[in-house]
Amino acid sequence: MTKMLERGIRAVEALSPEEQDLAGELLLELARASPPEYALSPEQIEEVKRAVAEADRGDFASDADVAEAWKRFER
Protein backbone atom coordinates (compact mmCIF):
# COMPACT_ATOMS: atom_id res chain seq x y z
CA MET A 1 0.00 0.00 0.00
CA THR A 2 1.33 3.42 -0.87
CA LYS A 3 1.82 6.19 1.68
CA MET A 4 -0.81 8.31 -0.07
CA LEU A 5 -3.42 5.55 0.17
CA GLU A 6 -2.55 5.06 3.85
CA ARG A 7 -3.08 8.80 4.45
CA GLY A 8 -6.41 8.66 2.64
CA ILE A 9 -7.59 5.68 4.67
CA ARG A 10 -6.64 7.39 7.93
CA ALA A 11 -8.61 10.46 6.85
CA VAL A 12 -11.65 8.37 5.91
CA GLU A 13 -11.53 6.56 9.27
CA ALA A 14 -12.32 9.89 10.94
CA LEU A 15 -15.55 10.28 8.92
CA SER A 16 -19.03 9.19 9.92
CA PRO A 17 -20.06 5.60 9.08
CA GLU A 18 -22.20 6.85 6.20
CA GLU A 19 -19.31 8.86 4.74
CA GLN A 20 -16.98 5.88 5.19
CA ASP A 21 -19.40 3.71 3.22
CA LEU A 22 -19.50 6.30 0.45
CA ALA A 23 -15.69 6.45 0.39
CA GLY A 24 -15.58 2.65 0.22
CA GLU A 25 -18.04 2.61 -2.68
CA LEU A 26 -15.96 5.22 -4.50
CA LEU A 27 -12.77 3.20 -4.02
CA LEU A 28 -14.44 0.04 -5.30
CA GLU A 29 -15.81 1.88 -8.33
CA LEU A 30 -12.39 3.36 -9.04
CA ALA A 31 -10.78 -0.09 -8.83
CA ARG A 32 -13.36 -1.53 -11.22
CA ALA A 33 -12.83 1.35 -13.67
CA SER A 34 -9.07 0.80 -13.85
CA PRO A 35 -8.05 -0.62 -17.20
CA PRO A 36 -7.00 -4.25 -17.14
CA GLU A 37 -3.32 -4.97 -17.43
CA TYR A 38 -2.29 -5.40 -21.02
CA ALA A 39 -0.25 -8.35 -22.21
CA LEU A 40 1.56 -8.36 -25.52
CA SER A 41 0.71 -11.08 -27.99
CA PRO A 42 3.53 -13.44 -29.09
CA GLU A 43 3.62 -11.59 -32.44
CA GLN A 44 3.99 -8.24 -30.70
CA ILE A 45 6.80 -9.59 -28.52
CA GLU A 46 8.66 -10.75 -31.62
CA GLU A 47 8.18 -7.34 -33.25
CA VAL A 48 9.61 -5.62 -30.16
CA LYS A 49 12.61 -8.00 -30.24
CA ARG A 50 13.20 -7.17 -33.93
CA ALA A 51 12.96 -3.44 -33.22
CA VAL A 52 15.43 -3.67 -30.33
CA ALA A 53 17.84 -5.66 -32.51
CA GLU A 54 17.61 -2.98 -35.21
CA ALA A 55 18.34 -0.27 -32.66
CA ASP A 56 21.25 -2.27 -31.25
CA ARG A 57 22.71 -2.44 -34.77
CA GLY A 58 22.20 1.31 -35.22
CA ASP A 59 19.77 0.61 -38.03
CA PHE A 60 17.77 3.85 -37.93
CA ALA A 61 15.95 5.84 -40.61
CA SER A 62 18.11 8.47 -42.27
CA ASP A 63 17.26 12.16 -41.98
CA ALA A 64 16.10 12.03 -45.61
CA ASP A 65 13.80 9.07 -44.85
CA VAL A 66 12.28 10.92 -41.90
CA ALA A 67 11.81 14.11 -43.92
CA GLU A 68 10.10 12.11 -46.67
CA ALA A 69 7.77 10.46 -44.15
CA TRP A 70 6.80 13.83 -42.66
CA LYS A 71 5.83 15.09 -46.11
CA ARG A 72 2.83 12.74 -46.01
CA PHE A 73 1.41 14.76 -43.10
CA GLU A 74 1.85 18.20 -44.66
CA ARG A 75 -1.18 19.97 -46.05
C-alpha atoms as a PDB file:
ATOM      1  CA  MET A   1       0.000   0.000   0.000  1.00  0.00           C
ATOM      2  CA  THR A   2       1.329   3.424  -0.865  1.00  0.00           C
ATOM      3  CA  LYS A   3       1.817   6.188   1.683  1.00  0.00           C
ATOM      4  CA  MET A   4      -0.814   8.314  -0.068  1.00  0.00           C
ATOM      5  CA  LEU A   5      -3.418   5.553   0.171  1.00  0.00           C
ATOM      6  CA  GLU A   6      -2.555   5.056   3.847  1.00  0.00           C
ATOM      7  CA  ARG A   7      -3.085   8.800   4.451  1.00  0.00           C
ATOM      8  CA  GLY A   8      -6.407   8.657   2.641  1.00  0.00           C
ATOM      9  CA  ILE A   9      -7.595   5.680   4.670  1.00  0.00           C
ATOM     10  CA  ARG A  10      -6.641   7.391   7.930  1.00  0.00           C
ATOM     11  CA  ALA A  11      -8.608  10.462   6.854  1.00  0.00           C
ATOM     12  CA  VAL A  12     -11.648   8.371   5.910  1.00  0.00           C
ATOM     13  CA  GLU A  13     -11.529   6.562   9.268  1.00  0.00           C
ATOM     14  CA  ALA A  14     -12.323   9.888  10.935  1.00  0.00           C
ATOM     15  CA  LEU A  15     -15.552  10.280   8.923  1.00  0.00           C
ATOM     16  CA  SER A  16     -19.032   9.188   9.918  1.00  0.00           C
ATOM     17  CA  PRO A  17     -20.057   5.599   9.075  1.00  0.00           C
ATOM     18  CA  GLU A  18     -22.203   6.855   6.196  1.00  0.00           C
ATOM     19  CA  GLU A  19     -19.306   8.860   4.741  1.00  0.00           C
ATOM     20  CA  GLN A  20     -16.980   5.879   5.190  1.00  0.00           C
ATOM     21  CA  ASP A  21     -19.403   3.713   3.219  1.00  0.00           C
ATOM     22  CA  LEU A  22     -19.501   6.305   0.450  1.00  0.00           C
ATOM     23  CA  ALA A  23     -15.694   6.450   0.387  1.00  0.00           C
ATOM     24  CA  GLY A  24     -15.579   2.652   0.216  1.00  0.00           C
ATOM     25  CA  GLU A  25     -18.039   2.609  -2.676  1.00  0.00           C
ATOM     26  CA  LEU A  26     -15.960   5.220  -4.499  1.00  0.00           C
ATOM     27  CA  LEU A  27     -12.775   3.200  -4.022  1.00  0.00           C
ATOM     28  CA  LEU A  28     -14.437   0.043  -5.300  1.00  0.00           C
ATOM     29  CA  GLU A  29     -15.809   1.879  -8.332  1.00  0.00           C
ATOM     30  CA  LEU A  30     -12.388   3.359  -9.035  1.00  0.00           C
ATOM     31  CA  ALA A  31     -10.778  -0.088  -8.831  1.00  0.00           C
ATOM     32  CA  ARG A  32     -13.356  -1.531 -11.223  1.00  0.00           C
ATOM     33  CA  ALA A  33     -12.832   1.353 -13.666  1.00  0.00           C
ATOM     34  CA  SER A  34      -9.072   0.796 -13.849  1.00  0.00           C
ATOM     35  CA  PRO A  35      -8.046  -0.616 -17.201  1.00  0.00           C
ATOM     36  CA  PRO A  36      -6.996  -4.248 -17.140  1.00  0.00           C
ATOM     37  CA  GLU A  37      -3.319  -4.973 -17.435  1.00  0.00           C
ATOM     38  CA  TYR A  38      -2.291  -5.396 -21.020  1.00  0.00           C
ATOM     39  CA  ALA A  39      -0.252  -8.354 -22.205  1.00  0.00           C
ATOM     40  CA  LEU A  40       1.564  -8.360 -25.525  1.00  0.00           C
ATOM     41  CA  SER A  41       0.715 -11.077 -27.991  1.00  0.00           C
ATOM     42  CA  PRO A  42       3.529 -13.442 -29.091  1.00  0.00           C
ATOM     43  CA  GLU A  43       3.620 -11.592 -32.439  1.00  0.00           C
ATOM     44  CA  GLN A  44       3.994  -8.245 -30.701  1.00  0.00           C
ATOM     45  CA  ILE A  45       6.796  -9.588 -28.520  1.00  0.00           C
ATOM     46  CA  GLU A  46       8.665 -10.751 -31.625  1.00  0.00           C
ATOM     47  CA  GLU A  47       8.185  -7.337 -33.247  1.00  0.00           C
ATOM     48  CA  VAL A  48       9.614  -5.621 -30.162  1.00  0.00           C
ATOM     49  CA  LYS A  49      12.606  -7.997 -30.238  1.00  0.00           C
ATOM     50  CA  ARG A  50      13.198  -7.169 -33.929  1.00  0.00           C
ATOM     51  CA  ALA A  51      12.957  -3.442 -33.223  1.00  0.00           C
ATOM     52  CA  VAL A  52      15.427  -3.673 -30.334  1.00  0.00           C
ATOM     53  CA  ALA A  53      17.841  -5.660 -32.511  1.00  0.00           C
ATOM     54  CA  GLU A  54      17.610  -2.982 -35.213  1.00  0.00           C
ATOM     55  CA  ALA A  55      18.335  -0.274 -32.660  1.00  0.00           C
ATOM     56  CA  ASP A  56      21.254  -2.268 -31.248  1.00  0.00           C
ATOM     57  CA  ARG A  57      22.709  -2.439 -34.774  1.00  0.00           C
ATOM     58  CA  GLY A  58      22.196   1.307 -35.216  1.00  0.00           C
ATOM     59  CA  ASP A  59      19.767   0.608 -38.032  1.00  0.00           C
ATOM     60  CA  PHE A  60      17.767   3.851 -37.934  1.00  0.00           C
ATOM     61  CA  ALA A  61      15.949   5.839 -40.607  1.00  0.00           C
ATOM     62  CA  SER A  62      18.107   8.467 -42.273  1.00  0.00           C
ATOM     63  CA  ASP A  63      17.263  12.158 -41.983  1.00  0.00           C
ATOM     64  CA  ALA A  64      16.098  12.027 -45.606  1.00  0.00           C
ATOM     65  CA  ASP A  65      13.803   9.075 -44.852  1.00  0.00           C
ATOM     66  CA  VAL A  66      12.283  10.921 -41.904  1.00  0.00           C
ATOM     67  CA  ALA A  67      11.810  14.111 -43.923  1.00  0.00           C
ATOM     68  CA  GLU A  68      10.096  12.110 -46.669  1.00  0.00           C
ATOM     69  CA  ALA A  69       7.772  10.457 -44.148  1.00  0.00           C
ATOM     70  CA  TRP A  70       6.798  13.832 -42.656  1.00  0.00           C
ATOM     71  CA  LYS A  71       5.827  15.094 -46.108  1.00  0.00           C
ATOM     72  CA  ARG A  72       2.833  12.741 -46.007  1.00  0.00           C
ATOM     73  CA  PHE A  73       1.410  14.759 -43.105  1.00  0.00           C
ATOM     74  CA  GLU A  74       1.850  18.196 -44.660  1.00  0.00           C
ATOM     75  CA  ARG A  75      -1.184  19.970 -46.054  1.00  0.00           C
END
